[in-house]
Amino acid sequence: MTTFQELTSIEDVRDFYLQQSASFIYISSPGCGVCASLFPQIEPIIANHPEFRSGHVDLSTVPEIVGEFSVFTAPSLLFFVQGKELHRESRIVPIEPFTRKVEQLSRLVASMN
């Protein structure tokens, strides 16, 4: 299973997505039931795509992420390719469409290499 790197400062977050060719960030909030139930469904999908380096941000630890990325709800799922945000999902994330989107982004990353 892919290990999600814990990002504990806004500088960690910036370094994480800017230094990778492709990355995925899962933003959650403590006490968020949707966050807790969605993560185990998302984790294996991301694990099948090692081209995406995966990170996790807790909103209570890194509150600056709200302003930096205009995150207004949790969970928020962000994909970056070459330092640019290409896709975002928030709150209720249907798994089948999410899986198709990850496949599409994966093909895009592969075509860039």
PDB file of N, CA and C in Angstrom:
ATOM      1  N   MET A   1       0.844  -1.177   0.000  1.00  0.00           N
ATOM      2  CA  MET A   1       0.000   0.000   0.000  1.00  0.00           C
ATOM      3  C   MET A   1       0.891   1.243   0.000  1.00  0.00           C
ATOM      4  N   THR A   2       0.490   2.248  -0.727  1.00  0.00           N
ATOM      5  CA  THR A   2       1.222   3.508  -0.775  1.00  0.00           C
ATOM      6  C   THR A   2       1.225   4.165   0.590  1.00  0.00           C
ATOM      7  N   THR A   3       2.344   4.691   0.964  1.00  0.00           N
ATOM      8  CA  THR A   3       2.435   5.437   2.208  1.00  0.00           C
ATOM      9  C   THR A   3       2.216   6.907   1.907  1.00  0.00           C
ATOM     10  N   PHE A   4       1.278   7.497   2.601  1.00  0.00           N
ATOM     11  CA  PHE A   4       1.025   8.920   2.448  1.00  0.00           C
ATOM     12  C   PHE A   4       1.973   9.669   3.365  1.00  0.00           C
ATOM     13  N   GLN A   5       2.730  10.589   2.805  1.00  0.00           N
ATOM     14  CA  GLN A   5       3.652  11.402   3.592  1.00  0.00           C
ATOM     15  C   GLN A   5       2.850  12.442   4.355  1.00  0.00           C
ATOM     16  N   GLU A   6       3.090  12.535   5.656  1.00  0.00           N
ATOM     17  CA  GLU A   6       2.427  13.554   6.465  1.00  0.00           C
ATOM     18  C   GLU A   6       3.105  14.893   6.221  1.00  0.00           C
ATOM     19  N   LEU A   7       2.323  15.878   5.822  1.00  0.00           N
ATOM     20  CA  LEU A   7       2.824  17.219   5.546  1.00  0.00           C
ATOM     21  C   LEU A   7       2.349  18.103   6.692  1.00  0.00           C
ATOM     22  N   THR A   8       3.286  18.629   7.465  1.00  0.00           N
ATOM     23  CA  THR A   8       2.927  19.290   8.721  1.00  0.00           C
ATOM     24  C   THR A   8       3.152  20.805   8.735  1.00  0.00           C
ATOM     25  N   SER A   9       3.495  21.375   7.594  1.00  0.00           N
ATOM     26  CA  SER A   9       3.620  22.833   7.493  1.00  0.00           C
ATOM     27  C   SER A   9       3.311  23.230   6.061  1.00  0.00           C
ATOM     28  N   ILE A  10       2.998  24.495   5.870  1.00  0.00           N
ATOM     29  CA  ILE A  10       2.714  24.971   4.520  1.00  0.00           C
ATOM     30  C   ILE A  10       3.957  24.860   3.644  1.00  0.00           C
ATOM     31  N   GLU A  11       5.140  25.003   4.243  1.00  0.00           N
ATOM     32  CA  GLU A  11       6.390  24.838   3.488  1.00  0.00           C
ATOM     33  C   GLU A  11       6.546  23.393   3.021  1.00  0.00           C
ATOM     34  N   ASP A  12       6.189  22.430   3.891  1.00  0.00           N
ATOM     35  CA  ASP A  12       6.221  21.013   3.493  1.00  0.00           C
ATOM     36  C   ASP A  12       5.307  20.767   2.299  1.00  0.00           C
ATOM     37  N   VAL A  13       4.123  21.365   2.343  1.00  0.00           N
ATOM     38  CA  VAL A  13       3.155  21.185   1.260  1.00  0.00           C
ATOM     39  C   VAL A  13       3.704  21.750  -0.040  1.00  0.00           C
ATOM     40  N   ARG A  14       4.232  22.958   0.027  1.00  0.00           N
ATOM     41  CA  ARG A  14       4.796  23.584  -1.185  1.00  0.00           C
ATOM     42  C   ARG A  14       5.930  22.753  -1.757  1.00  0.00           C
ATOM     43  N   ASP A  15       6.869  22.360  -0.907  1.00  0.00           N
ATOM     44  CA  ASP A  15       7.995  21.541  -1.363  1.00  0.00           C
ATOM     45  C   ASP A  15       7.498  20.239  -1.976  1.00  0.00           C
ATOM     46  N   PHE A  16       6.498  19.653  -1.356  1.00  0.00           N
ATOM     47  CA  PHE A  16       5.974  18.362  -1.794  1.00  0.00           C
ATOM     48  C   PHE A  16       5.460  18.426  -3.228  1.00  0.00           C
ATOM     49  N   TYR A  17       4.556  19.340  -3.523  1.00  0.00           N
ATOM     50  CA  TYR A  17       3.964  19.331  -4.864  1.00  0.00           C
ATOM     51  C   TYR A  17       4.835  20.022  -5.914  1.00  0.00           C
ATOM     52  N   LEU A  18       5.715  20.928  -5.490  1.00  0.00           N
ATOM     53  CA  LEU A  18       6.559  21.616  -6.462  1.00  0.00           C
ATOM     54  C   LEU A  18       7.767  20.786  -6.892  1.00  0.00           C
ATOM     55  N   GLN A  19       8.190  19.848  -6.056  1.00  0.00           N
ATOM     56  CA  GLN A  19       9.386  19.062  -6.366  1.00  0.00           C
ATOM     57  C   GLN A  19       9.078  17.712  -7.012  1.00  0.00           C
ATOM     58  N   GLN A  20       7.815  17.423  -7.247  1.00  0.00           N
ATOM     59  CA  GLN A  20       7.419  16.154  -7.849  1.00  0.00           C
ATOM     60  C   GLN A  20       6.864  16.392  -9.243  1.00  0.00           C
ATOM     61  N   SER A  21       7.046  15.439 -10.124  1.00  0.00           N
ATOM     62  CA  SER A  21       6.416  15.596 -11.435  1.00  0.00           C
ATOM     63  C   SER A  21       4.914  15.363 -11.329  1.00  0.00           C
ATOM     64  N   ALA A  22       4.496  14.492 -10.397  1.00  0.00           N
ATOM     65  CA  ALA A  22       3.067  14.225 -10.202  1.00  0.00           C
ATOM     66  C   ALA A  22       2.828  13.916  -8.725  1.00  0.00           C
ATOM     67  N   SER A  23       1.831  14.578  -8.150  1.00  0.00           N
ATOM     68  CA  SER A  23       1.548  14.355  -6.732  1.00  0.00           C
ATOM     69  C   SER A  23       0.053  14.444  -6.445  1.00  0.00           C
ATOM     70  N   PHE A  24      -0.319  13.848  -5.329  1.00  0.00           N
ATOM     71  CA  PHE A  24      -1.698  13.817  -4.861  1.00  0.00           C
ATOM     72  C   PHE A  24      -1.688  14.196  -3.387  1.00  0.00           C
ATOM     73  N   ILE A  25      -2.555  15.134  -3.007  1.00  0.00           N
ATOM     74  CA  ILE A  25      -2.639  15.553  -1.611  1.00  0.00           C
ATOM     75  C   ILE A  25      -4.055  15.340  -1.110  1.00  0.00           C
ATOM     76  N   TYR A  26      -4.157  14.626   0.014  1.00  0.00           N
ATOM     77  CA  TYR A  26      -5.437  14.369   0.679  1.00  0.00           C
ATOM     78  C   TYR A  26      -5.505  15.286   1.888  1.00  0.00           C
ATOM     79  N   ILE A  27      -6.468  16.190   1.892  1.00  0.00           N
ATOM     80  CA  ILE A  27      -6.625  17.158   2.978  1.00  0.00           C
ATOM     81  C   ILE A  27      -7.829  16.740   3.810  1.00  0.00           C
ATOM     82  N   SER A  28      -7.591  16.551   5.100  1.00  0.00           N
ATOM     83  CA  SER A  28      -8.669  16.112   5.986  1.00  0.00           C
ATOM     84  C   SER A  28      -8.733  17.001   7.217  1.00  0.00           C
ATOM     85  N   SER A  29      -9.779  16.777   7.990  1.00  0.00           N
ATOM     86  CA  SER A  29     -10.000  17.543   9.203  1.00  0.00           C
ATOM     87  C   SER A  29     -10.314  16.574  10.335  1.00  0.00           C
ATOM     88  N   PRO A  30      -9.818  16.837  11.538  1.00  0.00           N
ATOM     89  CA  PRO A  30     -10.119  15.946  12.654  1.00  0.00           C
ATOM     90  C   PRO A  30     -11.625  15.906  12.928  1.00  0.00           C
ATOM     91  N   GLY A  31     -12.108  14.746  13.250  1.00  0.00           N
ATOM     92  CA  GLY A  31     -13.521  14.596  13.552  1.00  0.00           C
ATOM     93  C   GLY A  31     -14.421  14.562  12.331  1.00  0.00           C
ATOM     94  N   CYS A  32     -13.848  14.554  11.155  1.00  0.00           N
ATOM     95  CA  CYS A  32     -14.621  14.529   9.904  1.00  0.00           C
ATOM     96  C   CYS A  32     -14.915  13.076   9.539  1.00  0.00           C
ATOM     97  N   GLY A  33     -16.169  12.685   9.654  1.00  0.00           N
ATOM     98  CA  GLY A  33     -16.562  11.312   9.339  1.00  0.00           C
ATOM     99  C   GLY A  33     -16.356  10.957   7.879  1.00  0.00           C
ATOM    100  N   VAL A  34     -16.646  11.900   6.993  1.00  0.00           N
ATOM    101  CA  VAL A  34     -16.452  11.654   5.559  1.00  0.00           C
ATOM    102  C   VAL A  34     -14.968  11.442   5.272  1.00  0.00           C
ATOM    103  N   CYS A  35     -14.118  12.258   5.896  1.00  0.00           N
ATOM    104  CA  CYS A  35     -12.661  12.120   5.706  1.00  0.00           C
ATOM    105  C   CYS A  35     -12.202  10.720   6.108  1.00  0.00           C
ATOM    106  N   ALA A  36     -12.661  10.275   7.263  1.00  0.00           N
ATOM    107  CA  ALA A  36     -12.243   8.978   7.795  1.00  0.00           C
ATOM    108  C   ALA A  36     -12.762   7.818   6.946  1.00  0.00           C
ATOM    109  N   SER A  37     -13.967   7.932   6.422  1.00  0.00           N
ATOM    110  CA  SER A  37     -14.516   6.827   5.638  1.00  0.00           C
ATOM    111  C   SER A  37     -14.033   6.837   4.191  1.00  0.00           C
ATOM    112  N   LEU A  38     -13.686   8.005   3.647  1.00  0.00           N
ATOM    113  CA  LEU A  38     -13.239   8.083   2.255  1.00  0.00           C
ATOM    114  C   LEU A  38     -11.791   7.627   2.091  1.00  0.00           C
ATOM    115  N   PHE A  39     -10.948   7.944   3.043  1.00  0.00           N
ATOM    116  CA  PHE A  39      -9.520   7.648   2.896  1.00  0.00           C
ATOM    117  C   PHE A  39      -9.235   6.174   2.578  1.00  0.00           C
ATOM    118  N   PRO A  40      -9.837   5.193   3.295  1.00  0.00           N
ATOM    119  CA  PRO A  40      -9.543   3.794   2.962  1.00  0.00           C
ATOM    120  C   PRO A  40     -10.012   3.377   1.564  1.00  0.00           C
ATOM    121  N   GLN A  41     -10.927   4.131   0.980  1.00  0.00           N
ATOM    122  CA  GLN A  41     -11.364   3.843  -0.384  1.00  0.00           C
ATOM    123  C   GLN A  41     -10.427   4.460  -1.420  1.00  0.00           C
ATOM    124  N   ILE A  42      -9.872   5.613  -1.080  1.00  0.00           N
ATOM    125  CA  ILE A  42      -8.976   6.343  -1.982  1.00  0.00           C
ATOM    126  C   ILE A  42      -7.570   5.730  -1.986  1.00  0.00           C
ATOM    127  N   GLU A  43      -7.125   5.290  -0.825  1.00  0.00           N
ATOM    128  CA  GLU A  43      -5.753   4.801  -0.664  1.00  0.00           C
ATOM    129  C   GLU A  43      -5.373   3.715  -1.676  1.00  0.00           C
ATOM    130  N   PRO A  44      -6.189   2.651  -1.871  1.00  0.00           N
ATOM    131  CA  PRO A  44      -5.767   1.630  -2.847  1.00  0.00           C
ATOM    132  C   PRO A  44      -5.774   2.124  -4.290  1.00  0.00           C
ATOM    133  N   ILE A  45      -6.626   3.075  -4.597  1.00  0.00           N
ATOM    134  CA  ILE A  45      -6.652   3.631  -5.962  1.00  0.00           C
ATOM    135  C   ILE A  45      -5.335   4.355  -6.233  1.00  0.00           C
ATOM    136  N   ILE A  46      -4.922   5.173  -5.286  1.00  0.00           N
ATOM    137  CA  ILE A  46      -3.659   5.895  -5.440  1.00  0.00           C
ATOM    138  C   ILE A  46      -2.479   4.924  -5.414  1.00  0.00           C
ATOM    139  N   ALA A  47      -2.574   3.883  -4.604  1.00  0.00           N
ATOM    140  CA  ALA A  47      -1.501   2.881  -4.528  1.00  0.00           C
ATOM    141  C   ALA A  47      -1.262   2.207  -5.876  1.00  0.00           C
ATOM    142  N   ASN A  48      -2.301   2.096  -6.699  1.00  0.00           N
ATOM    143  CA  ASN A  48      -2.164   1.500  -8.024  1.00  0.00           C
ATOM    144  C   ASN A  48      -1.512   2.439  -9.034  1.00  0.00           C
ATOM    145  N   HIS A  49      -1.196   3.642  -8.588  1.00  0.00           N
ATOM    146  CA  HIS A  49      -0.593   4.640  -9.478  1.00  0.00           C
ATOM    147  C   HIS A  49       0.622   5.260  -8.798  1.00  0.00           C
ATOM    148  N   PRO A  50       1.725   4.518  -8.759  1.00  0.00           N
ATOM    149  CA  PRO A  50       2.920   5.000  -8.057  1.00  0.00           C
ATOM    150  C   PRO A  50       3.547   6.243  -8.685  1.00  0.00           C
ATOM    151  N   GLU A  51       3.100   6.620  -9.870  1.00  0.00           N
ATOM    152  CA  GLU A  51       3.624   7.851 -10.464  1.00  0.00           C
ATOM    153  C   GLU A  51       3.186   9.085  -9.668  1.00  0.00           C
ATOM    154  N   PHE A  52       2.129   8.929  -8.875  1.00  0.00           N
ATOM    155  CA  PHE A  52       1.683  10.014  -8.003  1.00  0.00           C
ATOM    156  C   PHE A  52       2.264   9.824  -6.620  1.00  0.00           C
ATOM    157  N   ARG A  53       3.096  10.734  -6.208  1.00  0.00           N
ATOM    158  CA  ARG A  53       3.572  10.718  -4.827  1.00  0.00           C
ATOM    159  C   ARG A  53       2.424  11.248  -3.981  1.00  0.00           C
ATOM    160  N   SER A  54       2.129  10.598  -2.877  1.00  0.00           N
ATOM    161  CA  SER A  54       0.944  10.945  -2.108  1.00  0.00           C
ATOM    162  C   SER A  54       1.281  11.560  -0.760  1.00  0.00           C
ATOM    163  N   GLY A  55       0.521  12.603  -0.425  1.00  0.00           N
ATOM    164  CA  GLY A  55       0.707  13.291   0.840  1.00  0.00           C
ATOM    165  C   GLY A  55      -0.615  13.517   1.538  1.00  0.00           C
ATOM    166  N   HIS A  56      -0.537  13.701   2.847  1.00  0.00           N
ATOM    167  CA  HIS A  56      -1.725  13.969   3.661  1.00  0.00           C
ATOM    168  C   HIS A  56      -1.502  15.232   4.477  1.00  0.00           C
ATOM    169  N   VAL A  57      -2.539  16.081   4.514  1.00  0.00           N
ATOM    170  CA  VAL A  57      -2.488  17.312   5.301  1.00  0.00           C
ATOM    171  C   VAL A  57      -3.701  17.332   6.228  1.00  0.00           C
ATOM    172  N   ASP A  58      -3.443  17.591   7.502  1.00  0.00           N
ATOM    173  CA  ASP A  58      -4.498  17.770   8.488  1.00  0.00           C
ATOM    174  C   ASP A  58      -4.751  19.275   8.604  1.00  0.00           C
ATOM    175  N   LEU A  59      -5.990  19.690   8.344  1.00  0.00           N
ATOM    176  CA  LEU A  59      -6.323  21.117   8.389  1.00  0.00           C
ATOM    177  C   LEU A  59      -6.016  21.765   9.736  1.00  0.00           C
ATOM    178  N   SER A  60      -6.123  20.999  10.815  1.00  0.00           N
ATOM    179  CA  SER A  60      -5.847  21.588  12.129  1.00  0.00           C
ATOM    180  C   SER A  60      -4.358  21.822  12.343  1.00  0.00           C
ATOM    181  N   THR A  61      -3.518  21.068  11.648  1.00  0.00           N
ATOM    182  CA  THR A  61      -2.070  21.223  11.752  1.00  0.00           C
ATOM    183  C   THR A  61      -1.554  22.307  10.813  1.00  0.00           C
ATOM    184  N   VAL A  62      -2.142  22.404   9.633  1.00  0.00           N
ATOM    185  CA  VAL A  62      -1.696  23.356   8.609  1.00  0.00           C
ATOM    186  C   VAL A  62      -2.883  24.227   8.178  1.00  0.00           C
ATOM    187  N   PRO A  63      -3.350  25.125   9.052  1.00  0.00           N
ATOM    188  CA  PRO A  63      -4.525  25.929   8.696  1.00  0.00           C
ATOM    189  C   PRO A  63      -4.273  26.875   7.517  1.00  0.00           C
ATOM    190  N   GLU A  64      -3.012  27.178   7.224  1.00  0.00           N
ATOM    191  CA  GLU A  64      -2.688  28.064   6.098  1.00  0.00           C
ATOM    192  C   GLU A  64      -3.097  27.472   4.750  1.00  0.00           C
ATOM    193  N   ILE A  65      -3.319  26.162   4.721  1.00  0.00           N
ATOM    194  CA  ILE A  65      -3.675  25.522   3.454  1.00  0.00           C
ATOM    195  C   ILE A  65      -5.012  26.035   2.937  1.00  0.00           C
ATOM    196  N   VAL A  66      -5.861  26.499   3.851  1.00  0.00           N
ATOM    197  CA  VAL A  66      -7.159  27.047   3.456  1.00  0.00           C
ATOM    198  C   VAL A  66      -6.969  28.221   2.501  1.00  0.00           C
ATOM    199  N   GLY A  67      -6.124  29.168   2.863  1.00  0.00           N
ATOM    200  CA  GLY A  67      -5.868  30.329   2.009  1.00  0.00           C
ATOM    201  C   GLY A  67      -5.002  30.020   0.807  1.00  0.00           C
ATOM    202  N   GLU A  68      -4.022  29.154   1.006  1.00  0.00           N
ATOM    203  CA  GLU A  68      -3.077  28.822  -0.062  1.00  0.00           C
ATOM    204  C   GLU A  68      -3.755  28.134  -1.248  1.00  0.00           C
ATOM    205  N   PHE A  69      -4.709  27.238  -0.954  1.00  0.00           N
ATOM    206  CA  PHE A  69      -5.342  26.441  -2.006  1.00  0.00           C
ATOM    207  C   PHE A  69      -6.851  26.620  -2.088  1.00  0.00           C
ATOM    208  N   SER A  70      -7.385  27.611  -1.401  1.00  0.00           N
ATOM    209  CA  SER A  70      -8.836  27.848  -1.393  1.00  0.00           C
ATOM    210  C   SER A  70      -9.605  26.577  -1.038  1.00  0.00           C
ATOM    211  N   VAL A  71      -9.210  25.965   0.037  1.00  0.00           N
ATOM    212  CA  VAL A  71      -9.872  24.754   0.524  1.00  0.00           C
ATOM    213  C   VAL A  71     -10.955  25.192   1.497  1.00  0.00           C
ATOM    214  N   PHE A  72     -12.204  24.923   1.152  1.00  0.00           N
ATOM    215  CA  PHE A  72     -13.328  25.357   1.973  1.00  0.00           C
ATOM    216  C   PHE A  72     -14.048  24.222   2.668  1.00  0.00           C
ATOM    217  N   THR A  73     -13.678  22.988   2.366  1.00  0.00           N
ATOM    218  CA  THR A  73     -14.306  21.840   2.989  1.00  0.00           C
ATOM    219  C   THR A  73     -13.336  20.674   3.016  1.00  0.00           C
ATOM    220  N   ALA A  74     -13.630  19.727   3.872  1.00  0.00           N
ATOM    221  CA  ALA A  74     -12.817  18.519   3.946  1.00  0.00           C
ATOM    222  C   ALA A  74     -13.747  17.321   3.786  1.00  0.00           C
ATOM    223  N   PRO A  75     -13.236  16.276   3.173  1.00  0.00           N
ATOM    224  CA  PRO A  75     -11.909  16.180   2.590  1.00  0.00           C
ATOM    225  C   PRO A  75     -11.831  16.905   1.250  1.00  0.00           C
ATOM    226  N   SER A  76     -10.621  17.313   0.914  1.00  0.00           N
ATOM    227  CA  SER A  76     -10.328  17.840  -0.408  1.00  0.00           C
ATOM    228  C   SER A  76      -9.168  17.029  -0.971  1.00  0.00           C
ATOM    229  N   LEU A  77      -9.286  16.644  -2.226  1.00  0.00           N
ATOM    230  CA  LEU A  77      -8.301  15.805  -2.898  1.00  0.00           C
ATOM    231  C   LEU A  77      -7.747  16.593  -4.073  1.00  0.00           C
ATOM    232  N   LEU A  78      -6.440  16.829  -4.063  1.00  0.00           N
ATOM    233  CA  LEU A  78      -5.817  17.667  -5.083  1.00  0.00           C
ATOM    234  C   LEU A  78      -4.745  16.889  -5.835  1.00  0.00           C
ATOM    235  N   PHE A  79      -4.781  16.992  -7.159  1.00  0.00           N
ATOM    236  CA  PHE A  79      -3.751  16.412  -8.017  1.00  0.00           C
ATOM    237  C   PHE A  79      -2.932  17.529  -8.636  1.00  0.00           C
ATOM    238  N   PHE A  80      -1.609  17.346  -8.605  1.00  0.00           N
ATOM    239  CA  PHE A  80      -0.688  18.297  -9.208  1.00  0.00           C
ATOM    240  C   PHE A  80       0.189  17.563 -10.216  1.00  0.00           C
ATOM    241  N   VAL A  81       0.428  18.204 -11.345  1.00  0.00           N
ATOM    242  CA  VAL A  81       1.377  17.700 -12.331  1.00  0.00           C
ATOM    243  C   VAL A  81       2.297  18.865 -12.681  1.00  0.00           C
ATOM    244  N   GLN A  82       3.581  18.629 -12.494  1.00  0.00           N
ATOM    245  CA  GLN A  82       4.610  19.641 -12.732  1.00  0.00           C
ATOM    246  C   GLN A  82       4.271  20.957 -12.017  1.00  0.00           C
ATOM    247  N   GLY A  83       3.847  20.832 -10.757  1.00  0.00           N
ATOM    248  CA  GLY A  83       3.601  21.992  -9.918  1.00  0.00           C
ATOM    249  C   GLY A  83       2.297  22.730 -10.158  1.00  0.00           C
ATOM    250  N   LYS A  84       1.464  22.217 -11.059  1.00  0.00           N
ATOM    251  CA  LYS A  84       0.188  22.870 -11.349  1.00  0.00           C
ATOM    252  C   LYS A  84      -0.963  21.959 -10.919  1.00  0.00           C
ATOM    253  N   GLU A  85      -1.952  22.573 -10.272  1.00  0.00           N
ATOM    254  CA  GLU A  85      -3.126  21.798  -9.874  1.00  0.00           C
ATOM    255  C   GLU A  85      -3.944  21.488 -11.124  1.00  0.00           C
ATOM    256  N   LEU A  86      -4.171  20.180 -11.357  1.00  0.00           N
ATOM    257  CA  LEU A  86      -4.921  19.768 -12.539  1.00  0.00           C
ATOM    258  C   LEU A  86      -6.318  19.268 -12.208  1.00  0.00           C
ATOM    259  N   HIS A  87      -6.510  18.797 -10.995  1.00  0.00           N
ATOM    260  CA  HIS A  87      -7.833  18.268 -10.651  1.00  0.00           C
ATOM    261  C   HIS A  87      -8.043  18.366  -9.150  1.00  0.00           C
ATOM    262  N   ARG A  88      -9.314  18.585  -8.779  1.00  0.00           N
ATOM    263  CA  ARG A  88      -9.686  18.698  -7.372  1.00  0.00           C
ATOM    264  C   ARG A  88     -11.060  18.076  -7.175  1.00  0.00           C
ATOM    265  N   GLU A  89     -11.189  17.369  -6.080  1.00  0.00           N
ATOM    266  CA  GLU A  89     -12.481  16.829  -5.643  1.00  0.00           C
ATOM    267  C   GLU A  89     -12.632  17.222  -4.186  1.00  0.00           C
ATOM    268  N   SER A  90     -13.861  17.434  -3.754  1.00  0.00           N
ATOM    269  CA  SER A  90     -14.092  17.793  -2.360  1.00  0.00           C
ATOM    270  C   SER A  90     -15.363  17.141  -1.833  1.00  0.00           C
ATOM    271  N   ARG A  91     -15.351  16.941  -0.544  1.00  0.00           N
ATOM    272  CA  ARG A  91     -16.444  16.425   0.274  1.00  0.00           C
ATOM    273  C   ARG A  91     -16.895  15.034  -0.162  1.00  0.00           C
ATOM    274  N   ILE A  92     -17.981  14.905  -0.870  1.00  0.00           N
ATOM    275  CA  ILE A  92     -18.485  13.601  -1.294  1.00  0.00           C
ATOM    276  C   ILE A  92     -17.838  13.272  -2.639  1.00  0.00           C
ATOM    277  N   VAL A  93     -17.059  12.197  -2.669  1.00  0.00           N
ATOM    278  CA  VAL A  93     -16.313  11.829  -3.871  1.00  0.00           C
ATOM    279  C   VAL A  93     -16.782  10.447  -4.332  1.00  0.00           C
ATOM    280  N   PRO A  94     -17.560  10.370  -5.409  1.00  0.00           N
ATOM    281  CA  PRO A  94     -17.969   9.068  -5.935  1.00  0.00           C
ATOM    282  C   PRO A  94     -16.734   8.304  -6.436  1.00  0.00           C
ATOM    283  N   ILE A  95     -16.593   7.077  -5.991  1.00  0.00           N
ATOM    284  CA  ILE A  95     -15.370   6.306  -6.241  1.00  0.00           C
ATOM    285  C   ILE A  95     -15.166   5.957  -7.718  1.00  0.00           C
ATOM    286  N   GLU A  96     -16.195   5.524  -8.423  1.00  0.00           N
ATOM    287  CA  GLU A  96     -16.010   5.131  -9.832  1.00  0.00           C
ATOM    288  C   GLU A  96     -15.544   6.308 -10.704  1.00  0.00           C
ATOM    289  N   PRO A  97     -16.211   7.457 -10.654  1.00  0.00           N
ATOM    290  CA  PRO A  97     -15.695   8.592 -11.446  1.00  0.00           C
ATOM    291  C   PRO A  97     -14.292   9.032 -10.997  1.00  0.00           C
ATOM    292  N   PHE A  98     -14.029   8.957  -9.699  1.00  0.00           N
ATOM    293  CA  PHE A  98     -12.698   9.309  -9.204  1.00  0.00           C
ATOM    294  C   PHE A  98     -11.649   8.371  -9.795  1.00  0.00           C
ATOM    295  N   THR A  99     -11.943   7.085  -9.806  1.00  0.00           N
ATOM    296  CA  THR A  99     -11.011   6.096 -10.367  1.00  0.00           C
ATOM    297  C   THR A  99     -10.738   6.393 -11.840  1.00  0.00           C
ATOM    298  N   ARG A 100     -11.774   6.708 -12.599  1.00  0.00           N
ATOM    299  CA  ARG A 100     -11.588   7.044 -14.018  1.00  0.00           C
ATOM    300  C   ARG A 100     -10.728   8.300 -14.179  1.00  0.00           C
ATOM    301  N   LYS A 101     -10.924   9.280 -13.326  1.00  0.00           N
ATOM    302  CA  LYS A 101     -10.132  10.508 -13.401  1.00  0.00           C
ATOM    303  C   LYS A 101      -8.661  10.231 -13.101  1.00  0.00           C
ATOM    304  N   VAL A 102      -8.406   9.375 -12.114  1.00  0.00           N
ATOM    305  CA  VAL A 102      -7.022   9.012 -11.784  1.00  0.00           C
ATOM    306  C   VAL A 102      -6.376   8.310 -12.977  1.00  0.00           C
ATOM    307  N   GLU A 103      -7.116   7.422 -13.632  1.00  0.00           N
ATOM    308  CA  GLU A 103      -6.597   6.733 -14.823  1.00  0.00           C
ATOM    309  C   GLU A 103      -6.254   7.753 -15.918  1.00  0.00           C
ATOM    310  N   GLN A 104      -7.134   8.708 -16.114  1.00  0.00           N
ATOM    311  CA  GLN A 104      -6.910   9.741 -17.128  1.00  0.00           C
ATOM    312  C   GLN A 104      -5.666  10.570 -16.799  1.00  0.00           C
ATOM    313  N   LEU A 105      -5.546  10.981 -15.552  1.00  0.00           N
ATOM    314  CA  LEU A 105      -4.365  11.756 -15.146  1.00  0.00           C
ATOM    315  C   LEU A 105      -3.090  10.924 -15.247  1.00  0.00           C
ATOM    316  N   SER A 106      -3.201   9.648 -14.960  1.00  0.00           N
ATOM    317  CA  SER A 106      -2.058   8.748 -15.061  1.00  0.00           C
ATOM    318  C   SER A 106      -1.564   8.672 -16.506  1.00  0.00           C
ATOM    319  N   ARG A 107      -2.500   8.559 -17.436  1.00  0.00           N
ATOM    320  CA  ARG A 107      -2.119   8.533 -18.854  1.00  0.00           C
ATOM    321  C   ARG A 107      -1.445   9.855 -19.270  1.00  0.00           C
ATOM    322  N   LEU A 108      -1.943  10.953 -18.744  1.00  0.00           N
ATOM    323  CA  LEU A 108      -1.340  12.251 -19.043  1.00  0.00           C
ATOM    324  C   LEU A 108       0.102  12.303 -18.540  1.00  0.00           C
ATOM    325  N   VAL A 109       0.313  11.860 -17.307  1.00  0.00           N
ATOM    326  CA  VAL A 109       1.672  11.852 -16.743  1.00  0.00           C
ATOM    327  C   VAL A 109       2.591  10.961 -17.575  1.00  0.00           C
ATOM    328  N   ALA A 110       2.095   9.779 -17.962  1.00  0.00           N
ATOM    329  CA  ALA A 110       2.907   8.852 -18.760  1.00  0.00           C
ATOM    330  C   ALA A 110       3.268   9.467 -20.123  1.00  0.00           C
ATOM    331  N   SER A 111       2.362  10.219 -20.703  1.00  0.00           N
ATOM    332  CA  SER A 111       2.636  10.822 -22.006  1.00  0.00           C
ATOM    333  C   SER A 111       3.663  11.948 -21.928  1.00  0.00           C
ATOM    334  N   MET A 112       3.861  12.481 -20.739  1.00  0.00           N
ATOM    335  CA  MET A 112       4.823  13.568 -20.549  1.00  0.00           C
ATOM    336  C   MET A 112       6.235  13.051 -20.336  1.00  0.00           C
ATOM    337  N   ASN A 113       6.375  11.762 -20.059  1.00  0.00           N
ATOM    338  CA  ASN A 113       7.712  11.181 -19.797  1.00  0.00           C
ATOM    339  C   ASN A 113       8.332  10.594 -21.022  1.00  0.00           C
TER     340      ASN A 113
END
